[in-house]
Each structure stands twice: as C-alpha cells, then as structure tokens.
N, C-alpha and C. Protein backbone atom coordinates (compact mmCIF):
# COMPACT_ATOMS: atom_id res chain seq x y z
N MET A 1 86.70 -41.76 109.88
CA MET A 1 86.32 -43.02 109.25
C MET A 1 85.59 -42.73 107.94
N GLN A 2 85.91 -43.49 106.90
CA GLN A 2 85.29 -43.32 105.59
C GLN A 2 83.85 -43.81 105.62
N GLU A 3 83.01 -43.16 104.84
CA GLU A 3 81.63 -43.60 104.69
C GLU A 3 81.52 -44.57 103.51
N THR A 4 80.56 -45.44 103.58
CA THR A 4 80.33 -46.34 102.45
C THR A 4 79.69 -45.56 101.31
N ILE A 5 79.77 -46.10 100.12
CA ILE A 5 79.20 -45.47 98.94
C ILE A 5 78.09 -46.37 98.41
N ASP A 6 76.88 -45.84 98.33
CA ASP A 6 75.73 -46.57 97.82
C ASP A 6 75.63 -46.28 96.32
N LEU A 7 76.06 -47.24 95.50
CA LEU A 7 76.08 -47.02 94.05
C LEU A 7 74.69 -46.79 93.48
N HIS A 8 73.68 -47.49 93.99
CA HIS A 8 72.33 -47.31 93.50
C HIS A 8 71.81 -45.91 93.84
N ALA A 9 72.15 -45.41 95.02
CA ALA A 9 71.75 -44.05 95.39
C ALA A 9 72.44 -43.03 94.50
N LYS A 10 73.71 -43.24 94.18
CA LYS A 10 74.43 -42.32 93.28
C LYS A 10 73.78 -42.32 91.90
N LEU A 11 73.42 -43.50 91.39
CA LEU A 11 72.78 -43.59 90.08
C LEU A 11 71.42 -42.90 90.06
N ALA A 12 70.74 -42.87 91.20
CA ALA A 12 69.42 -42.24 91.28
C ALA A 12 69.48 -40.71 91.23
N THR A 13 70.68 -40.13 91.35
CA THR A 13 70.80 -38.67 91.40
C THR A 13 70.89 -38.02 90.02
N PHE A 14 70.91 -38.81 88.94
CA PHE A 14 71.00 -38.20 87.61
C PHE A 14 70.24 -39.03 86.58
N GLU A 15 69.93 -38.39 85.43
CA GLU A 15 69.10 -39.01 84.40
C GLU A 15 69.85 -39.33 83.11
N GLY A 16 70.87 -38.57 82.75
CA GLY A 16 71.50 -38.68 81.44
C GLY A 16 72.23 -39.99 81.20
N HIS A 17 72.37 -40.31 79.91
CA HIS A 17 73.10 -41.51 79.50
C HIS A 17 74.48 -41.14 79.00
N TRP A 18 75.41 -42.08 79.18
CA TRP A 18 76.80 -41.94 78.71
C TRP A 18 77.51 -40.74 79.34
N GLN A 19 77.14 -40.43 80.60
CA GLN A 19 77.75 -39.32 81.34
C GLN A 19 78.25 -39.83 82.68
N PRO A 20 79.43 -40.45 82.72
CA PRO A 20 79.93 -41.05 83.97
C PRO A 20 80.05 -40.03 85.09
N ARG A 21 79.75 -40.49 86.31
CA ARG A 21 79.88 -39.68 87.52
C ARG A 21 80.87 -40.37 88.45
N THR A 22 81.88 -39.64 88.87
CA THR A 22 82.89 -40.21 89.78
C THR A 22 82.29 -40.35 91.18
N VAL A 23 82.44 -41.55 91.76
CA VAL A 23 81.95 -41.79 93.11
C VAL A 23 83.08 -41.84 94.12
N CYS A 24 84.31 -42.14 93.67
CA CYS A 24 85.48 -42.10 94.53
C CYS A 24 86.73 -42.25 93.67
N GLU A 25 87.87 -42.06 94.30
CA GLU A 25 89.14 -42.26 93.62
C GLU A 25 89.88 -43.41 94.29
N TYR A 26 90.66 -44.14 93.48
CA TYR A 26 91.37 -45.31 93.98
C TYR A 26 92.71 -45.41 93.27
N ASN A 27 93.80 -45.17 93.99
CA ASN A 27 95.15 -45.29 93.44
C ASN A 27 95.32 -44.61 92.09
N GLY A 28 94.90 -43.36 92.00
CA GLY A 28 95.05 -42.61 90.76
C GLY A 28 94.03 -42.95 89.70
N HIS A 29 92.97 -43.62 90.08
CA HIS A 29 91.89 -43.98 89.16
C HIS A 29 90.57 -43.41 89.66
N ASP A 30 89.70 -43.07 88.73
CA ASP A 30 88.33 -42.67 89.06
C ASP A 30 87.44 -43.91 89.00
N VAL A 31 86.68 -44.12 90.06
CA VAL A 31 85.66 -45.16 90.09
C VAL A 31 84.35 -44.42 89.80
N MET A 32 83.68 -44.82 88.71
CA MET A 32 82.52 -44.07 88.25
C MET A 32 81.32 -44.98 88.03
N VAL A 33 80.13 -44.39 88.13
CA VAL A 33 78.90 -45.06 87.71
C VAL A 33 78.37 -44.31 86.50
N VAL A 34 77.68 -45.05 85.64
CA VAL A 34 77.14 -44.45 84.43
C VAL A 34 75.89 -45.21 84.00
N LYS A 35 74.91 -44.46 83.51
CA LYS A 35 73.73 -45.06 82.89
C LYS A 35 73.98 -45.05 81.39
N VAL A 36 73.68 -46.16 80.73
CA VAL A 36 73.90 -46.25 79.30
C VAL A 36 72.63 -46.76 78.62
N GLN A 37 72.40 -46.27 77.43
CA GLN A 37 71.31 -46.78 76.59
C GLN A 37 71.61 -46.37 75.16
N GLY A 38 71.33 -47.28 74.24
CA GLY A 38 71.64 -47.02 72.84
C GLY A 38 73.09 -47.37 72.56
N GLU A 39 73.58 -46.82 71.47
CA GLU A 39 74.95 -47.13 71.02
C GLU A 39 75.86 -45.96 71.31
N TYR A 40 77.03 -46.24 71.85
CA TYR A 40 78.05 -45.21 72.01
C TYR A 40 78.72 -45.04 70.66
N ARG A 41 79.98 -44.86 70.59
CA ARG A 41 80.68 -44.74 69.31
C ARG A 41 81.88 -45.68 69.34
N TRP A 42 82.37 -46.05 68.18
CA TRP A 42 83.58 -46.84 68.11
C TRP A 42 84.74 -45.98 68.58
N HIS A 43 85.55 -46.52 69.47
CA HIS A 43 86.69 -45.77 69.99
C HIS A 43 87.71 -46.74 70.58
N GLU A 44 88.86 -46.23 70.93
CA GLU A 44 89.88 -47.02 71.60
C GLU A 44 90.63 -46.12 72.57
N HIS A 45 91.29 -46.73 73.51
CA HIS A 45 92.11 -46.02 74.48
C HIS A 45 93.54 -46.52 74.28
N PRO A 46 94.41 -45.71 73.69
CA PRO A 46 95.76 -46.18 73.36
C PRO A 46 96.65 -46.45 74.58
N ASP A 47 96.30 -45.83 75.73
CA ASP A 47 97.20 -45.92 76.89
C ASP A 47 96.61 -46.64 78.10
N THR A 48 95.36 -47.10 78.02
CA THR A 48 94.76 -47.71 79.20
C THR A 48 93.70 -48.75 78.79
N ASP A 49 93.54 -49.76 79.62
CA ASP A 49 92.46 -50.72 79.45
C ASP A 49 91.14 -50.04 79.80
N ASP A 50 90.02 -50.65 79.43
CA ASP A 50 88.69 -50.11 79.73
C ASP A 50 87.92 -51.17 80.53
N PHE A 51 87.60 -50.85 81.79
CA PHE A 51 86.98 -51.78 82.73
C PHE A 51 85.47 -51.54 82.78
N PHE A 52 84.69 -52.60 82.60
CA PHE A 52 83.22 -52.53 82.67
C PHE A 52 82.70 -53.57 83.67
N LEU A 53 81.87 -53.13 84.62
CA LEU A 53 81.14 -54.02 85.52
C LEU A 53 79.67 -53.65 85.41
N VAL A 54 78.84 -54.59 84.99
CA VAL A 54 77.41 -54.33 84.85
C VAL A 54 76.74 -54.49 86.22
N LEU A 55 76.06 -53.43 86.64
CA LEU A 55 75.31 -53.45 87.90
C LEU A 55 73.85 -53.83 87.67
N HIS A 56 73.31 -53.37 86.53
CA HIS A 56 71.89 -53.58 86.21
C HIS A 56 71.74 -53.60 84.69
N GLY A 57 70.94 -54.50 84.19
CA GLY A 57 70.68 -54.56 82.75
C GLY A 57 71.71 -55.41 82.02
N ARG A 58 71.77 -55.20 80.71
CA ARG A 58 72.67 -55.97 79.86
C ARG A 58 73.31 -55.03 78.86
N ILE A 59 74.56 -55.30 78.51
CA ILE A 59 75.24 -54.54 77.46
C ILE A 59 75.97 -55.50 76.52
N THR A 60 76.24 -55.01 75.35
CA THR A 60 77.09 -55.70 74.39
C THR A 60 78.27 -54.78 74.10
N ILE A 61 79.46 -55.33 74.12
CA ILE A 61 80.64 -54.57 73.73
C ILE A 61 81.07 -55.13 72.38
N ARG A 62 80.85 -54.34 71.34
CA ARG A 62 81.27 -54.77 70.00
C ARG A 62 82.76 -54.52 69.86
N MET A 63 83.42 -55.51 69.30
CA MET A 63 84.84 -55.39 68.98
C MET A 63 85.03 -56.02 67.61
N ARG A 64 86.07 -55.66 66.93
CA ARG A 64 86.31 -56.18 65.59
C ARG A 64 86.47 -57.70 65.60
N GLU A 65 86.97 -58.26 66.71
CA GLU A 65 87.20 -59.70 66.83
C GLU A 65 85.94 -60.46 67.22
N GLY A 66 84.87 -59.76 67.60
CA GLY A 66 83.63 -60.40 68.04
C GLY A 66 83.02 -59.67 69.21
N ASP A 67 81.74 -59.89 69.43
CA ASP A 67 80.99 -59.21 70.48
C ASP A 67 81.12 -59.93 71.82
N VAL A 68 81.07 -59.14 72.89
CA VAL A 68 81.04 -59.67 74.25
C VAL A 68 79.72 -59.21 74.87
N HIS A 69 78.97 -60.14 75.46
CA HIS A 69 77.68 -59.84 76.07
C HIS A 69 77.83 -59.94 77.59
N LEU A 70 77.36 -58.91 78.30
CA LEU A 70 77.50 -58.86 79.76
C LEU A 70 76.15 -58.63 80.42
N GLY A 71 75.94 -59.30 81.54
CA GLY A 71 74.75 -59.10 82.36
C GLY A 71 75.16 -58.68 83.76
N PRO A 72 74.19 -58.54 84.66
CA PRO A 72 74.47 -58.09 86.02
C PRO A 72 75.53 -58.94 86.71
N GLY A 73 76.49 -58.26 87.32
CA GLY A 73 77.55 -58.93 88.05
C GLY A 73 78.71 -59.39 87.19
N GLU A 74 78.64 -59.15 85.88
CA GLU A 74 79.71 -59.59 85.00
C GLU A 74 80.66 -58.44 84.67
N VAL A 75 81.94 -58.79 84.55
CA VAL A 75 83.02 -57.84 84.29
C VAL A 75 83.71 -58.19 82.99
N PHE A 76 84.12 -57.16 82.26
CA PHE A 76 84.96 -57.37 81.08
C PHE A 76 85.94 -56.21 80.99
N VAL A 77 87.17 -56.52 80.61
CA VAL A 77 88.19 -55.51 80.43
C VAL A 77 88.60 -55.50 78.96
N VAL A 78 88.39 -54.36 78.30
CA VAL A 78 88.84 -54.19 76.92
C VAL A 78 90.30 -53.76 76.99
N PRO A 79 91.20 -54.54 76.40
CA PRO A 79 92.62 -54.18 76.47
C PRO A 79 92.91 -52.85 75.76
N LYS A 80 93.92 -52.16 76.25
CA LYS A 80 94.28 -50.89 75.63
C LYS A 80 94.57 -51.09 74.15
N GLY A 81 94.17 -50.09 73.38
CA GLY A 81 94.41 -50.13 71.94
C GLY A 81 93.40 -50.92 71.13
N VAL A 82 92.43 -51.57 71.79
CA VAL A 82 91.43 -52.36 71.08
C VAL A 82 90.19 -51.50 70.82
N GLU A 83 89.82 -51.37 69.55
CA GLU A 83 88.66 -50.57 69.19
C GLU A 83 87.39 -51.31 69.64
N HIS A 84 86.46 -50.56 70.22
CA HIS A 84 85.23 -51.16 70.74
C HIS A 84 84.09 -50.15 70.71
N CYS A 85 82.87 -50.69 70.84
CA CYS A 85 81.66 -49.88 70.78
C CYS A 85 80.62 -50.48 71.73
N PRO A 86 80.42 -49.89 72.93
CA PRO A 86 79.41 -50.40 73.86
C PRO A 86 77.99 -50.07 73.38
N ILE A 87 77.08 -51.01 73.61
CA ILE A 87 75.68 -50.85 73.21
C ILE A 87 74.79 -51.42 74.31
N ALA A 88 73.68 -50.72 74.59
CA ALA A 88 72.67 -51.23 75.52
C ALA A 88 71.31 -51.06 74.87
N GLU A 89 70.63 -52.16 74.58
CA GLU A 89 69.29 -52.09 73.98
C GLU A 89 68.33 -51.36 74.91
N GLU A 90 68.41 -51.66 76.21
CA GLU A 90 67.62 -50.99 77.24
C GLU A 90 68.59 -50.39 78.24
N GLU A 91 68.11 -49.47 79.07
CA GLU A 91 69.00 -48.81 80.02
C GLU A 91 69.73 -49.83 80.90
N ALA A 92 71.02 -49.62 81.03
CA ALA A 92 71.86 -50.44 81.90
C ALA A 92 72.68 -49.52 82.77
N HIS A 93 73.10 -50.02 83.92
CA HIS A 93 73.93 -49.27 84.86
C HIS A 93 75.26 -49.97 85.00
N LEU A 94 76.34 -49.20 84.90
CA LEU A 94 77.68 -49.76 84.93
C LEU A 94 78.54 -49.09 85.99
N LEU A 95 79.52 -49.82 86.46
CA LEU A 95 80.62 -49.25 87.22
C LEU A 95 81.84 -49.35 86.31
N ILE A 96 82.52 -48.24 86.13
CA ILE A 96 83.71 -48.22 85.29
C ILE A 96 84.86 -47.63 86.09
N ILE A 97 86.07 -48.05 85.77
CA ILE A 97 87.27 -47.56 86.44
C ILE A 97 88.25 -47.14 85.37
N GLU A 98 88.73 -45.89 85.49
CA GLU A 98 89.67 -45.37 84.51
C GLU A 98 90.73 -44.52 85.24
N PRO A 99 91.94 -44.44 84.70
CA PRO A 99 92.91 -43.52 85.29
C PRO A 99 92.34 -42.11 85.31
N THR A 100 92.55 -41.40 86.41
CA THR A 100 92.05 -40.03 86.53
C THR A 100 92.53 -39.20 85.34
N GLY A 101 91.60 -38.48 84.73
CA GLY A 101 91.92 -37.64 83.60
C GLY A 101 91.71 -38.29 82.24
N THR A 102 91.30 -39.56 82.20
CA THR A 102 91.03 -40.22 80.92
C THR A 102 89.82 -39.58 80.27
N PRO A 103 89.94 -39.10 79.03
CA PRO A 103 88.78 -38.50 78.37
C PRO A 103 87.70 -39.53 78.08
N ASN A 104 86.44 -39.12 78.21
CA ASN A 104 85.29 -40.00 77.92
C ASN A 104 84.68 -39.59 76.59
C-alpha cells in the first residue's frame, strides 16, 4: 500500500529557494514542491505547459500580456511557449508538475 505524502513535511526538509524537490511521479510527470522568494528569470518552455499551485504565500507570474497574482489554493497554468517570470515578494511554497526531465 502506498504511503501518503505530507507536502508541508517535505518543504520543511530544505532551505533553498528556486530548487524544486520531487515528491512523487505521476504518469511521466514529476510532482514537486519548491520554496520561492524574489524574482526568478524570464523564460519559456517550448514543449510543455507550466503548472503552479500555491500552497503558502503569494506569487506573481509576470507575462508579456499581463501579470497573474496567485494566493494559497490558487492554480495557474502558463501555456507552452509563453514567456513568463515568477516573483514572490516574501517566501512562498508551491506545488509544480512538469514532465520528467524538464530542465528548471
């Protein structure tokens, strides 16, 4: 029988920002948790969408078409090929899902 995964416990095991940790795999995808703070960099994924679920805190996803603001329990999917830049004024915790092997 599979064990449950405590996302908050997984997040408590590390300190760094913008360093996703895989908690499980799902149909060829990595389900990861990550702590974020500050600004990442502008980037895009030409072959895959980018899934964000905020667990704690708030983030802004800057896109050329306009910003998206997310709080706890909110999800946003950046479509493949869309340039974006995630930002967190204060530390936030996210769950992200990406095809296994997607570079971060």
